[in-house]
All heavy atoms as atom14 arrays in JSON, in Angstrom:
{
  "sequence": "ATDPEDGVLPASAFEWNIVLHHNVHTHPEAGPFIGV",
  "atom14_mask": [
    [1, 1, 1, 1, 1, 0, 0, 0, 0, 0, 0, 0, 0, 0],
    [1, 1, 1, 1, 1, 1, 1, 0, 0, 0, 0, 0, 0, 0],
    [1, 1, 1, 1, 1, 1, 1, 1, 0, 0, 0, 0, 0, 0],
    [1, 1, 1, 1, 1, 1, 1, 0, 0, 0, 0, 0, 0, 0],
    [1, 1, 1, 1, 1, 1, 1, 1, 1, 0, 0, 0, 0, 0],
    [1, 1, 1, 1, 1, 1, 1, 1, 0, 0, 0, 0, 0, 0],
    [1, 1, 1, 1, 0, 0, 0, 0, 0, 0, 0, 0, 0, 0],
    [1, 1, 1, 1, 1, 1, 1, 0, 0, 0, 0, 0, 0, 0],
    [1, 1, 1, 1, 1, 1, 1, 1, 0, 0, 0, 0, 0, 0],
    [1, 1, 1, 1, 1, 1, 1, 0, 0, 0, 0, 0, 0, 0],
    [1, 1, 1, 1, 1, 0, 0, 0, 0, 0, 0, 0, 0, 0],
    [1, 1, 1, 1, 1, 1, 0, 0, 0, 0, 0, 0, 0, 0],
    [1, 1, 1, 1, 1, 0, 0, 0, 0, 0, 0, 0, 0, 0],
    [1, 1, 1, 1, 1, 1, 1, 1, 1, 1, 1, 0, 0, 0],
    [1, 1, 1, 1, 1, 1, 1, 1, 1, 0, 0, 0, 0, 0],
    [1, 1, 1, 1, 1, 1, 1, 1, 1, 1, 1, 1, 1, 1],
    [1, 1, 1, 1, 1, 1, 1, 1, 0, 0, 0, 0, 0, 0],
    [1, 1, 1, 1, 1, 1, 1, 1, 0, 0, 0, 0, 0, 0],
    [1, 1, 1, 1, 1, 1, 1, 0, 0, 0, 0, 0, 0, 0],
    [1, 1, 1, 1, 1, 1, 1, 1, 0, 0, 0, 0, 0, 0],
    [1, 1, 1, 1, 1, 1, 1, 1, 1, 1, 0, 0, 0, 0],
    [1, 1, 1, 1, 1, 1, 1, 1, 1, 1, 0, 0, 0, 0],
    [1, 1, 1, 1, 1, 1, 1, 1, 0, 0, 0, 0, 0, 0],
    [1, 1, 1, 1, 1, 1, 1, 0, 0, 0, 0, 0, 0, 0],
    [1, 1, 1, 1, 1, 1, 1, 1, 1, 1, 0, 0, 0, 0],
    [1, 1, 1, 1, 1, 1, 1, 0, 0, 0, 0, 0, 0, 0],
    [1, 1, 1, 1, 1, 1, 1, 1, 1, 1, 0, 0, 0, 0],
    [1, 1, 1, 1, 1, 1, 1, 0, 0, 0, 0, 0, 0, 0],
    [1, 1, 1, 1, 1, 1, 1, 1, 1, 0, 0, 0, 0, 0],
    [1, 1, 1, 1, 1, 0, 0, 0, 0, 0, 0, 0, 0, 0],
    [1, 1, 1, 1, 0, 0, 0, 0, 0, 0, 0, 0, 0, 0],
    [1, 1, 1, 1, 1, 1, 1, 0, 0, 0, 0, 0, 0, 0],
    [1, 1, 1, 1, 1, 1, 1, 1, 1, 1, 1, 0, 0, 0],
    [1, 1, 1, 1, 1, 1, 1, 1, 0, 0, 0, 0, 0, 0],
    [1, 1, 1, 1, 0, 0, 0, 0, 0, 0, 0, 0, 0, 0],
    [1, 1, 1, 1, 1, 1, 1, 0, 0, 0, 0, 0, 0, 0]
  ],
  "atom14_positions": [
    [[66.71, -23.54, 58.62], [66.07, -24.88, 58.64], [67.09, -25.93, 58.19], [67.93, -25.7, 57.33], [64.85, -24.9, 57.75], [0.0, 0.0, 0.0], [0.0, 0.0, 0.0], [0.0, 0.0, 0.0], [0.0, 0.0, 0.0], [0.0, 0.0, 0.0], [0.0, 0.0, 0.0], [0.0, 0.0, 0.0], [0.0, 0.0, 0.0], [0.0, 0.0, 0.0]],
    [[67.0, -27.08, 58.84], [67.77, -28.24, 58.43], [66.82, -29.4, 58.21], [65.66, -29.38, 58.68], [68.81, -28.63, 59.5], [68.11, -28.9, 60.73], [69.82, -27.54, 59.7], [0.0, 0.0, 0.0], [0.0, 0.0, 0.0], [0.0, 0.0, 0.0], [0.0, 0.0, 0.0], [0.0, 0.0, 0.0], [0.0, 0.0, 0.0], [0.0, 0.0, 0.0]],
    [[67.28, -30.42, 57.53], [66.49, -31.6, 57.24], [67.33, -32.83, 57.44], [68.53, -32.87, 57.05], [65.97, -31.57, 55.8], [65.06, -32.76, 55.49], [63.91, -32.74, 55.9], [65.56, -33.68, 54.84], [0.0, 0.0, 0.0], [0.0, 0.0, 0.0], [0.0, 0.0, 0.0], [0.0, 0.0, 0.0], [0.0, 0.0, 0.0], [0.0, 0.0, 0.0]],
    [[66.82, -33.89, 58.11], [67.62, -35.09, 58.39], [68.23, -35.68, 57.11], [69.3, -36.25, 57.15], [66.64, -36.03, 59.07], [65.65, -35.13, 59.7], [65.49, -33.98, 58.76], [0.0, 0.0, 0.0], [0.0, 0.0, 0.0], [0.0, 0.0, 0.0], [0.0, 0.0, 0.0], [0.0, 0.0, 0.0], [0.0, 0.0, 0.0], [0.0, 0.0, 0.0]],
    [[67.5, -35.61, 56.0], [68.01, -36.18, 54.75], [68.77, -35.17, 53.89], [69.79, -35.49, 53.29], [66.86, -36.78, 53.91], [66.21, -38.0, 54.53], [65.16, -37.69, 55.56], [64.71, -36.49, 55.61], [64.82, -38.53, 56.37], [0.0, 0.0, 0.0], [0.0, 0.0, 0.0], [0.0, 0.0, 0.0], [0.0, 0.0, 0.0], [0.0, 0.0, 0.0]],
    [[68.27, -33.93, 53.85], [68.84, -32.93, 52.91], [69.9, -32.05, 53.53], [70.63, -31.32, 52.83], [67.7, -32.03, 52.38], [66.71, -32.81, 51.57], [67.02, -33.91, 51.13], [65.57, -32.3, 51.4], [0.0, 0.0, 0.0], [0.0, 0.0, 0.0], [0.0, 0.0, 0.0], [0.0, 0.0, 0.0], [0.0, 0.0, 0.0], [0.0, 0.0, 0.0]],
    [[70.0, -32.03, 54.87], [70.95, -31.13, 55.52], [70.38, -29.72, 55.61], [69.15, -29.53, 55.79], [0.0, 0.0, 0.0], [0.0, 0.0, 0.0], [0.0, 0.0, 0.0], [0.0, 0.0, 0.0], [0.0, 0.0, 0.0], [0.0, 0.0, 0.0], [0.0, 0.0, 0.0], [0.0, 0.0, 0.0], [0.0, 0.0, 0.0], [0.0, 0.0, 0.0]],
    [[71.24, -28.71, 55.49], [70.8, -27.31, 55.54], [69.96, -27.01, 54.31], [70.4, -27.2, 53.16], [72.0, -26.33, 55.62], [71.51, -24.93, 55.59], [72.79, -26.61, 56.9], [0.0, 0.0, 0.0], [0.0, 0.0, 0.0], [0.0, 0.0, 0.0], [0.0, 0.0, 0.0], [0.0, 0.0, 0.0], [0.0, 0.0, 0.0], [0.0, 0.0, 0.0]],
    [[68.76, -26.54, 54.51], [67.85, -26.26, 53.37], [68.07, -24.88, 52.79], [68.29, -23.91, 53.53], [66.39, -26.42, 53.84], [65.99, -27.85, 54.23], [64.56, -27.86, 54.77], [66.11, -28.79, 53.05], [0.0, 0.0, 0.0], [0.0, 0.0, 0.0], [0.0, 0.0, 0.0], [0.0, 0.0, 0.0], [0.0, 0.0, 0.0], [0.0, 0.0, 0.0]],
    [[67.95, -24.77, 51.48], [68.16, -23.47, 50.82], [66.98, -22.56, 50.95], [65.86, -22.95, 51.41], [68.39, -23.85, 49.35], [67.54, -25.11, 49.18], [67.67, -25.83, 50.5], [0.0, 0.0, 0.0], [0.0, 0.0, 0.0], [0.0, 0.0, 0.0], [0.0, 0.0, 0.0], [0.0, 0.0, 0.0], [0.0, 0.0, 0.0], [0.0, 0.0, 0.0]],
    [[67.12, -21.28, 50.55], [66.04, -20.31, 50.64], [64.85, -20.73, 49.83], [63.68, -20.37, 50.2], [66.55, -18.94, 50.17], [0.0, 0.0, 0.0], [0.0, 0.0, 0.0], [0.0, 0.0, 0.0], [0.0, 0.0, 0.0], [0.0, 0.0, 0.0], [0.0, 0.0, 0.0], [0.0, 0.0, 0.0], [0.0, 0.0, 0.0], [0.0, 0.0, 0.0]],
    [[65.04, -21.51, 48.77], [63.94, -21.91, 47.92], [62.95, -22.81, 48.67], [61.81, -22.98, 48.23], [64.46, -22.66, 46.69], [65.22, -23.8, 47.06], [0.0, 0.0, 0.0], [0.0, 0.0, 0.0], [0.0, 0.0, 0.0], [0.0, 0.0, 0.0], [0.0, 0.0, 0.0], [0.0, 0.0, 0.0], [0.0, 0.0, 0.0], [0.0, 0.0, 0.0]],
    [[63.36, -23.36, 49.8], [62.48, -24.21, 50.59], [61.57, -23.42, 51.55], [60.71, -24.02, 52.2], [63.31, -25.21, 51.39], [0.0, 0.0, 0.0], [0.0, 0.0, 0.0], [0.0, 0.0, 0.0], [0.0, 0.0, 0.0], [0.0, 0.0, 0.0], [0.0, 0.0, 0.0], [0.0, 0.0, 0.0], [0.0, 0.0, 0.0], [0.0, 0.0, 0.0]],
    [[61.73, -22.1, 51.61], [61.08, -21.28, 52.64], [59.85, -20.59, 52.09], [59.84, -20.14, 50.94], [62.01, -20.24, 53.18], [63.09, -20.74, 54.11], [64.07, -21.66, 53.69], [63.12, -20.34, 55.44], [65.04, -22.14, 54.53], [64.1, -20.82, 56.31], [65.04, -21.71, 55.83], [0.0, 0.0, 0.0], [0.0, 0.0, 0.0], [0.0, 0.0, 0.0]],
    [[58.84, -20.47, 52.94], [57.64, -19.65, 52.63], [57.17, -19.03, 53.94], [57.0, -19.69, 54.96], [56.51, -20.45, 52.03], [55.26, -19.65, 51.77], [54.12, -20.45, 51.19], [54.41, -21.39, 50.43], [52.98, -20.18, 51.53], [0.0, 0.0, 0.0], [0.0, 0.0, 0.0], [0.0, 0.0, 0.0], [0.0, 0.0, 0.0], [0.0, 0.0, 0.0]],
    [[56.95, -17.67, 53.91], [56.5, -16.93, 55.12], [55.08, -16.41, 54.85], [54.77, -15.97, 53.75], [57.4, -15.73, 55.38], [58.81, -16.05, 55.69], [59.82, -16.22, 54.8], [59.39, -16.2, 56.98], [60.99, -16.47, 55.42], [60.78, -16.48, 56.79], [58.91, -16.15, 58.28], [61.64, -16.67, 57.85], [59.78, -16.34, 59.34], [61.1, -16.59, 59.13]],
    [[54.26, -16.41, 55.9], [52.94, -15.79, 55.84], [52.68, -15.1, 57.15], [53.1, -15.61, 58.23], [51.85, -16.83, 55.57], [51.79, -17.25, 54.11], [51.23, -16.56, 53.25], [52.43, -18.37, 53.79], [0.0, 0.0, 0.0], [0.0, 0.0, 0.0], [0.0, 0.0, 0.0], [0.0, 0.0, 0.0], [0.0, 0.0, 0.0], [0.0, 0.0, 0.0]],
    [[52.0, -13.97, 57.1], [51.64, -13.22, 58.31], [50.13, -13.16, 58.38], [49.46, -12.72, 57.42], [52.22, -11.79, 58.32], [53.73, -11.88, 58.17], [51.82, -11.06, 59.58], [54.4, -10.51, 58.05], [0.0, 0.0, 0.0], [0.0, 0.0, 0.0], [0.0, 0.0, 0.0], [0.0, 0.0, 0.0], [0.0, 0.0, 0.0], [0.0, 0.0, 0.0]],
    [[49.56, -13.6, 59.48], [48.1, -13.63, 59.68], [47.74, -12.76, 60.9], [48.35, -12.86, 61.95], [47.58, -15.07, 59.91], [46.08, -15.08, 60.15], [47.94, -15.92, 58.71], [0.0, 0.0, 0.0], [0.0, 0.0, 0.0], [0.0, 0.0, 0.0], [0.0, 0.0, 0.0], [0.0, 0.0, 0.0], [0.0, 0.0, 0.0], [0.0, 0.0, 0.0]],
    [[46.76, -11.87, 60.71], [46.27, -11.03, 61.79], [45.12, -11.77, 62.48], [44.14, -12.12, 61.89], [45.76, -9.68, 61.26], [45.07, -8.79, 62.3], [46.05, -8.31, 63.36], [44.41, -7.59, 61.61], [0.0, 0.0, 0.0], [0.0, 0.0, 0.0], [0.0, 0.0, 0.0], [0.0, 0.0, 0.0], [0.0, 0.0, 0.0], [0.0, 0.0, 0.0]],
    [[45.32, -12.01, 63.79], [44.27, -12.63, 64.61], [43.51, -11.52, 65.36], [44.15, -10.76, 66.08], [44.86, -13.61, 65.61], [45.35, -14.9, 64.97], [44.78, -16.1, 65.24], [46.34, -15.13, 64.1], [45.39, -17.04, 64.56], [46.36, -16.47, 63.85], [0.0, 0.0, 0.0], [0.0, 0.0, 0.0], [0.0, 0.0, 0.0], [0.0, 0.0, 0.0]],
    [[42.24, -11.47, 65.13], [41.4, -10.44, 65.76], [40.22, -11.14, 66.44], [39.41, -11.8, 65.78], [40.88, -9.46, 64.73], [39.83, -8.51, 65.28], [38.75, -8.06, 64.56], [39.76, -7.94, 66.51], [38.01, -7.27, 65.31], [38.57, -7.16, 66.5], [0.0, 0.0, 0.0], [0.0, 0.0, 0.0], [0.0, 0.0, 0.0], [0.0, 0.0, 0.0]],
    [[40.18, -11.02, 67.76], [39.13, -11.66, 68.53], [39.14, -13.15, 68.22], [40.13, -13.82, 68.52], [37.77, -11.01, 68.2], [36.73, -11.25, 69.26], [36.31, -12.37, 69.47], [36.37, -10.21, 69.98], [0.0, 0.0, 0.0], [0.0, 0.0, 0.0], [0.0, 0.0, 0.0], [0.0, 0.0, 0.0], [0.0, 0.0, 0.0], [0.0, 0.0, 0.0]],
    [[38.07, -13.69, 67.64], [38.04, -15.13, 67.4], [38.18, -15.48, 65.91], [37.99, -16.64, 65.49], [36.74, -15.76, 67.92], [36.66, -15.62, 69.44], [35.52, -15.12, 67.29], [0.0, 0.0, 0.0], [0.0, 0.0, 0.0], [0.0, 0.0, 0.0], [0.0, 0.0, 0.0], [0.0, 0.0, 0.0], [0.0, 0.0, 0.0], [0.0, 0.0, 0.0]],
    [[38.54, -14.51, 65.1], [38.72, -14.76, 63.65], [40.05, -14.25, 63.19], [40.79, -13.61, 63.94], [37.55, -14.17, 62.84], [37.44, -12.69, 63.0], [36.7, -12.1, 64.01], [37.94, -11.68, 62.27], [36.77, -10.8, 63.9], [37.51, -10.49, 62.84], [0.0, 0.0, 0.0], [0.0, 0.0, 0.0], [0.0, 0.0, 0.0], [0.0, 0.0, 0.0]],
    [[40.36, -14.51, 61.92], [41.7, -14.14, 61.39], [41.5, -13.42, 60.06], [40.51, -13.54, 59.38], [42.55, -15.37, 61.16], [41.96, -16.24, 60.18], [42.77, -16.16, 62.45], [0.0, 0.0, 0.0], [0.0, 0.0, 0.0], [0.0, 0.0, 0.0], [0.0, 0.0, 0.0], [0.0, 0.0, 0.0], [0.0, 0.0, 0.0], [0.0, 0.0, 0.0]],
    [[42.57, -12.65, 59.71], [42.64, -11.99, 58.4], [44.03, -12.24, 57.85], [45.02, -12.03, 58.53], [42.46, -10.48, 58.54], [41.24, -10.07, 59.33], [40.0, -9.85, 58.73], [41.05, -9.78, 60.64], [39.14, -9.47, 59.61], [39.74, -9.42, 60.81], [0.0, 0.0, 0.0], [0.0, 0.0, 0.0], [0.0, 0.0, 0.0], [0.0, 0.0, 0.0]],
    [[44.14, -12.66, 56.57], [45.45, -12.69, 55.95], [46.05, -11.29, 55.93], [45.42, -10.35, 55.48], [45.18, -13.22, 54.55], [43.82, -13.89, 54.6], [43.08, -13.12, 55.66], [0.0, 0.0, 0.0], [0.0, 0.0, 0.0], [0.0, 0.0, 0.0], [0.0, 0.0, 0.0], [0.0, 0.0, 0.0], [0.0, 0.0, 0.0], [0.0, 0.0, 0.0]],
    [[47.25, -11.13, 56.41], [47.87, -9.78, 56.53], [48.89, -9.56, 55.44], [48.86, -8.55, 54.76], [48.5, -9.61, 57.9], [49.15, -8.25, 58.11], [48.13, -7.12, 58.21], [46.97, -7.37, 58.47], [48.56, -5.94, 58.02], [0.0, 0.0, 0.0], [0.0, 0.0, 0.0], [0.0, 0.0, 0.0], [0.0, 0.0, 0.0], [0.0, 0.0, 0.0]],
    [[49.83, -10.48, 55.3], [50.92, -10.29, 54.3], [51.46, -11.6, 53.91], [51.43, -12.58, 54.65], [52.01, -9.4, 54.87], [0.0, 0.0, 0.0], [0.0, 0.0, 0.0], [0.0, 0.0, 0.0], [0.0, 0.0, 0.0], [0.0, 0.0, 0.0], [0.0, 0.0, 0.0], [0.0, 0.0, 0.0], [0.0, 0.0, 0.0], [0.0, 0.0, 0.0]],
    [[52.04, -11.66, 52.7], [52.63, -12.87, 52.17], [51.7, -13.52, 51.12], [50.63, -12.97, 50.8], [0.0, 0.0, 0.0], [0.0, 0.0, 0.0], [0.0, 0.0, 0.0], [0.0, 0.0, 0.0], [0.0, 0.0, 0.0], [0.0, 0.0, 0.0], [0.0, 0.0, 0.0], [0.0, 0.0, 0.0], [0.0, 0.0, 0.0], [0.0, 0.0, 0.0]],
    [[52.13, -14.63, 50.55], [53.34, -15.36, 50.94], [54.61, -14.7, 50.45], [54.64, -14.13, 49.36], [53.14, -16.72, 50.33], [52.29, -16.45, 49.12], [51.37, -15.35, 49.5], [0.0, 0.0, 0.0], [0.0, 0.0, 0.0], [0.0, 0.0, 0.0], [0.0, 0.0, 0.0], [0.0, 0.0, 0.0], [0.0, 0.0, 0.0], [0.0, 0.0, 0.0]],
    [[55.68, -14.78, 51.28], [57.02, -14.43, 50.84], [57.73, -15.73, 50.56], [58.09, -16.49, 51.51], [57.77, -13.61, 51.93], [57.01, -12.43, 52.42], [56.53, -12.33, 53.72], [56.75, -11.34, 51.57], [55.85, -11.23, 54.16], [56.05, -10.23, 52.0], [55.58, -10.17, 53.29], [0.0, 0.0, 0.0], [0.0, 0.0, 0.0], [0.0, 0.0, 0.0]],
    [[57.92, -16.05, 49.32], [58.41, -17.37, 48.9], [59.84, -17.29, 48.43], [60.24, -16.36, 47.74], [57.5, -17.95, 47.77], [56.06, -18.07, 48.22], [58.01, -19.28, 47.27], [55.07, -18.48, 47.16], [0.0, 0.0, 0.0], [0.0, 0.0, 0.0], [0.0, 0.0, 0.0], [0.0, 0.0, 0.0], [0.0, 0.0, 0.0], [0.0, 0.0, 0.0]],
    [[60.63, -18.31, 48.84], [61.99, -18.43, 48.37], [62.98, -17.5, 49.03], [64.01, -17.17, 48.45], [0.0, 0.0, 0.0], [0.0, 0.0, 0.0], [0.0, 0.0, 0.0], [0.0, 0.0, 0.0], [0.0, 0.0, 0.0], [0.0, 0.0, 0.0], [0.0, 0.0, 0.0], [0.0, 0.0, 0.0], [0.0, 0.0, 0.0], [0.0, 0.0, 0.0]],
    [[62.67, -17.04, 50.26], [63.55, -16.15, 51.0], [63.71, -16.65, 52.43], [62.72, -17.11, 53.03], [63.11, -14.69, 50.95], [63.18, -14.12, 49.54], [61.69, -14.59, 51.5], [0.0, 0.0, 0.0], [0.0, 0.0, 0.0], [0.0, 0.0, 0.0], [0.0, 0.0, 0.0], [0.0, 0.0, 0.0], [0.0, 0.0, 0.0], [0.0, 0.0, 0.0]]
  ]
}
């Protein structure tokens, strides 16, 4: 990731989440993975 003001963003700016979509609803699957 880059930012117009900050430039290249560090790992601390990142958060990942995985969501399982089933039919018309969702389930949280994994995460958050923060700072990586």
